[in-house]
């Protein structure tokens, strides 16, 4: 009789846990805005201008489809991290 009671209790607990997975857990939403400095660590996110290397922005267009596209045409040359932005676009 004890084994049957434990089995019923176990089945009930499993079913309850599946139907109500967050019962009894208080939920809270955390929101952030950038009205003030969040004091995040700033590590390796800027280049030191004194030690800057020569910048090469060669987007390297080629008429191949090594990446598996339907038609030929890929970019992927050499792109160097820089203080100034680099773009690959057609003027409109």
C-alpha atoms as a PDB file:
ATOM      1  CA  UNK A   1       0.000   0.000   0.000  1.00  0.00           C
ATOM      2  CA  UNK A   2       2.864   2.380   0.816  1.00  0.00           C
ATOM      3  CA  UNK A   3       4.512   1.701  -2.555  1.00  0.00           C
ATOM      4  CA  UNK A   4       1.246   2.440  -4.364  1.00  0.00           C
ATOM      5  CA  UNK A   5       0.850   5.735  -2.460  1.00  0.00           C
ATOM      6  CA  UNK A   6       4.415   6.742  -3.322  1.00  0.00           C
ATOM      7  CA  UNK A   7       3.852   5.842  -6.981  1.00  0.00           C
ATOM      8  CA  UNK A   8       0.676   7.936  -7.134  1.00  0.00           C
ATOM      9  CA  UNK A   9       2.461  10.841  -5.428  1.00  0.00           C
ATOM     10  CA  UNK A  10       5.370  10.583  -7.861  1.00  0.00           C
ATOM     11  CA  UNK A  11       3.064  10.541 -10.896  1.00  0.00           C
ATOM     12  CA  UNK A  12       1.155  13.518  -9.488  1.00  0.00           C
ATOM     13  CA  UNK A  13       4.393  15.451  -8.896  1.00  0.00           C
ATOM     14  CA  UNK A  14       5.658  14.755 -12.431  1.00  0.00           C
ATOM     15  CA  UNK A  15       2.342  15.746 -14.046  1.00  0.00           C
ATOM     16  CA  UNK A  16       2.124  18.876 -11.884  1.00  0.00           C
ATOM     17  CA  UNK A  17       5.715  19.786 -12.782  1.00  0.00           C
ATOM     18  CA  UNK A  18       4.995  19.401 -16.495  1.00  0.00           C
ATOM     19  CA  UNK A  19       1.744  21.377 -16.422  1.00  0.00           C
ATOM     20  CA  UNK A  20       2.960  24.150 -14.126  1.00  0.00           C
ATOM     21  CA  UNK A  21       6.742  24.422 -14.545  1.00  0.00           C
ATOM     22  CA  UNK A  22       7.078  27.845 -12.894  1.00  0.00           C
ATOM     23  CA  UNK A  23       4.610  27.453 -10.029  1.00  0.00           C
ATOM     24  CA  UNK A  24       5.843  29.242  -6.954  1.00  0.00           C
ATOM     25  CA  UNK A  25       8.696  31.028  -8.741  1.00  0.00           C
ATOM     26  CA  UNK A  26       8.438  34.799  -8.673  1.00  0.00           C
ATOM     27  CA  UNK A  27       9.272  36.316 -12.048  1.00  0.00           C
ATOM     28  CA  UNK A  28      10.847  39.701 -12.432  1.00  0.00           C
ATOM     29  CA  UNK A  29      11.676  41.685 -15.512  1.00  0.00           C
ATOM     30  CA  UNK A  30      14.935  43.569 -15.596  1.00  0.00           C
ATOM     31  CA  UNK A  31      15.101  46.558 -17.878  1.00  0.00           C
ATOM     32  CA  UNK A  32      18.054  48.740 -18.757  1.00  0.00           C
ATOM     33  CA  UNK A  33      18.389  52.097 -20.430  1.00  0.00           C
ATOM     34  CA  UNK A  34      21.489  54.058 -21.239  1.00  0.00           C
ATOM     35  CA  UNK A  35      20.531  57.333 -19.602  1.00  0.00           C
ATOM     36  CA  UNK A  36      23.536  56.796 -17.344  1.00  0.00           C
ATOM     37  CA  UNK A  37      26.821  54.950 -17.676  1.00  0.00           C
ATOM     38  CA  UNK A  38      26.266  51.220 -17.002  1.00  0.00           C
ATOM     39  CA  UNK A  39      29.922  50.879 -15.834  1.00  0.00           C
ATOM     40  CA  UNK A  40      30.607  47.894 -18.049  1.00  0.00           C
ATOM     41  CA  UNK A  41      34.203  46.792 -18.450  1.00  0.00           C
ATOM     42  CA  UNK A  42      35.741  48.251 -21.588  1.00  0.00           C
ATOM     43  CA  UNK A  43      38.404  45.749 -22.630  1.00  0.00           C
ATOM     44  CA  UNK A  44      39.896  45.600 -26.150  1.00  0.00           C
ATOM     45  CA  UNK A  45      37.087  47.549 -27.770  1.00  0.00           C
ATOM     46  CA  UNK A  46      39.173  50.445 -29.060  1.00  0.00           C
ATOM     47  CA  UNK A  47      42.435  50.634 -30.966  1.00  0.00           C
ATOM     48  CA  UNK A  48      45.274  52.649 -29.493  1.00  0.00           C
ATOM     49  CA  UNK A  49      46.016  55.274 -32.204  1.00  0.00           C
ATOM     50  CA  UNK A  50      49.713  55.315 -31.229  1.00  0.00           C
ATOM     51  CA  UNK A  51      50.083  51.635 -32.120  1.00  0.00           C
ATOM     52  CA  UNK A  52      47.745  51.536 -35.120  1.00  0.00           C
ATOM     53  CA  UNK A  53      48.698  49.305 -38.041  1.00  0.00           C
ATOM     54  CA  UNK A  54      48.252  50.129 -41.723  1.00  0.00           C
ATOM     55  CA  UNK A  55      44.577  49.817 -42.566  1.00  0.00           C
ATOM     56  CA  UNK A  56      43.607  47.689 -45.558  1.00  0.00           C
ATOM     57  CA  UNK A  57      39.953  47.563 -46.593  1.00  0.00           C
ATOM     58  CA  UNK A  58      39.879  45.250 -49.604  1.00  0.00           C
ATOM     59  CA  UNK A  59      36.466  43.608 -49.777  1.00  0.00           C
ATOM     60  CA  UNK A  60      37.739  41.262 -52.458  1.00  0.00           C
ATOM     61  CA  UNK A  61      34.819  40.718 -54.846  1.00  0.00           C
ATOM     62  CA  UNK A  62      35.193  37.609 -56.963  1.00  0.00           C
ATOM     63  CA  UNK A  63      32.911  35.854 -59.438  1.00  0.00           C
ATOM     64  CA  UNK A  64      32.992  32.532 -57.585  1.00  0.00           C
ATOM     65  CA  UNK A  65      30.391  30.716 -55.514  1.00  0.00           C
ATOM     66  CA  UNK A  66      32.516  28.835 -52.968  1.00  0.00           C
ATOM     67  CA  UNK A  67      30.024  29.731 -50.228  1.00  0.00           C
ATOM     68  CA  UNK A  68      27.341  27.693 -51.959  1.00  0.00           C
ATOM     69  CA  UNK A  69      25.194  30.421 -53.458  1.00  0.00           C
ATOM     70  CA  UNK A  70      23.034  29.949 -56.522  1.00  0.00           C
ATOM     71  CA  UNK A  71      24.836  32.480 -58.692  1.00  0.00           C
ATOM     72  CA  UNK A  72      28.472  33.591 -58.733  1.00  0.00           C
ATOM     73  CA  UNK A  73      29.547  36.668 -56.793  1.00  0.00           C
ATOM     74  CA  UNK A  74      31.150  36.829 -53.344  1.00  0.00           C
ATOM     75  CA  UNK A  75      33.005  39.252 -51.130  1.00  0.00           C
ATOM     76  CA  UNK A  76      35.610  38.292 -48.571  1.00  0.00           C
ATOM     77  CA  UNK A  77      38.993  39.883 -49.046  1.00  0.00           C
ATOM     78  CA  UNK A  78      40.997  41.481 -46.252  1.00  0.00           C
ATOM     79  CA  UNK A  79      39.274  43.723 -43.733  1.00  0.00           C
ATOM     80  CA  UNK A  80      41.279  45.462 -41.012  1.00  0.00           C
ATOM     81  CA  UNK A  81      39.879  46.707 -37.737  1.00  0.00           C
ATOM     82  CA  UNK A  82      39.918  50.493 -37.858  1.00  0.00           C
ATOM     83  CA  UNK A  83      38.766  53.630 -36.069  1.00  0.00           C
ATOM     84  CA  UNK A  84      36.997  54.770 -39.238  1.00  0.00           C
ATOM     85  CA  UNK A  85      34.126  52.780 -40.662  1.00  0.00           C
ATOM     86  CA  UNK A  86      34.435  50.892 -43.913  1.00  0.00           C
ATOM     87  CA  UNK A  87      31.482  50.165 -46.165  1.00  0.00           C
ATOM     88  CA  UNK A  88      30.809  48.138 -49.259  1.00  0.00           C
ATOM     89  CA  UNK A  89      27.884  49.685 -51.067  1.00  0.00           C
ATOM     90  CA  UNK A  90      26.746  51.149 -54.337  1.00  0.00           C
ATOM     91  CA  UNK A  91      25.967  54.858 -54.401  1.00  0.00           C
ATOM     92  CA  UNK A  92      22.341  55.595 -55.225  1.00  0.00           C
END
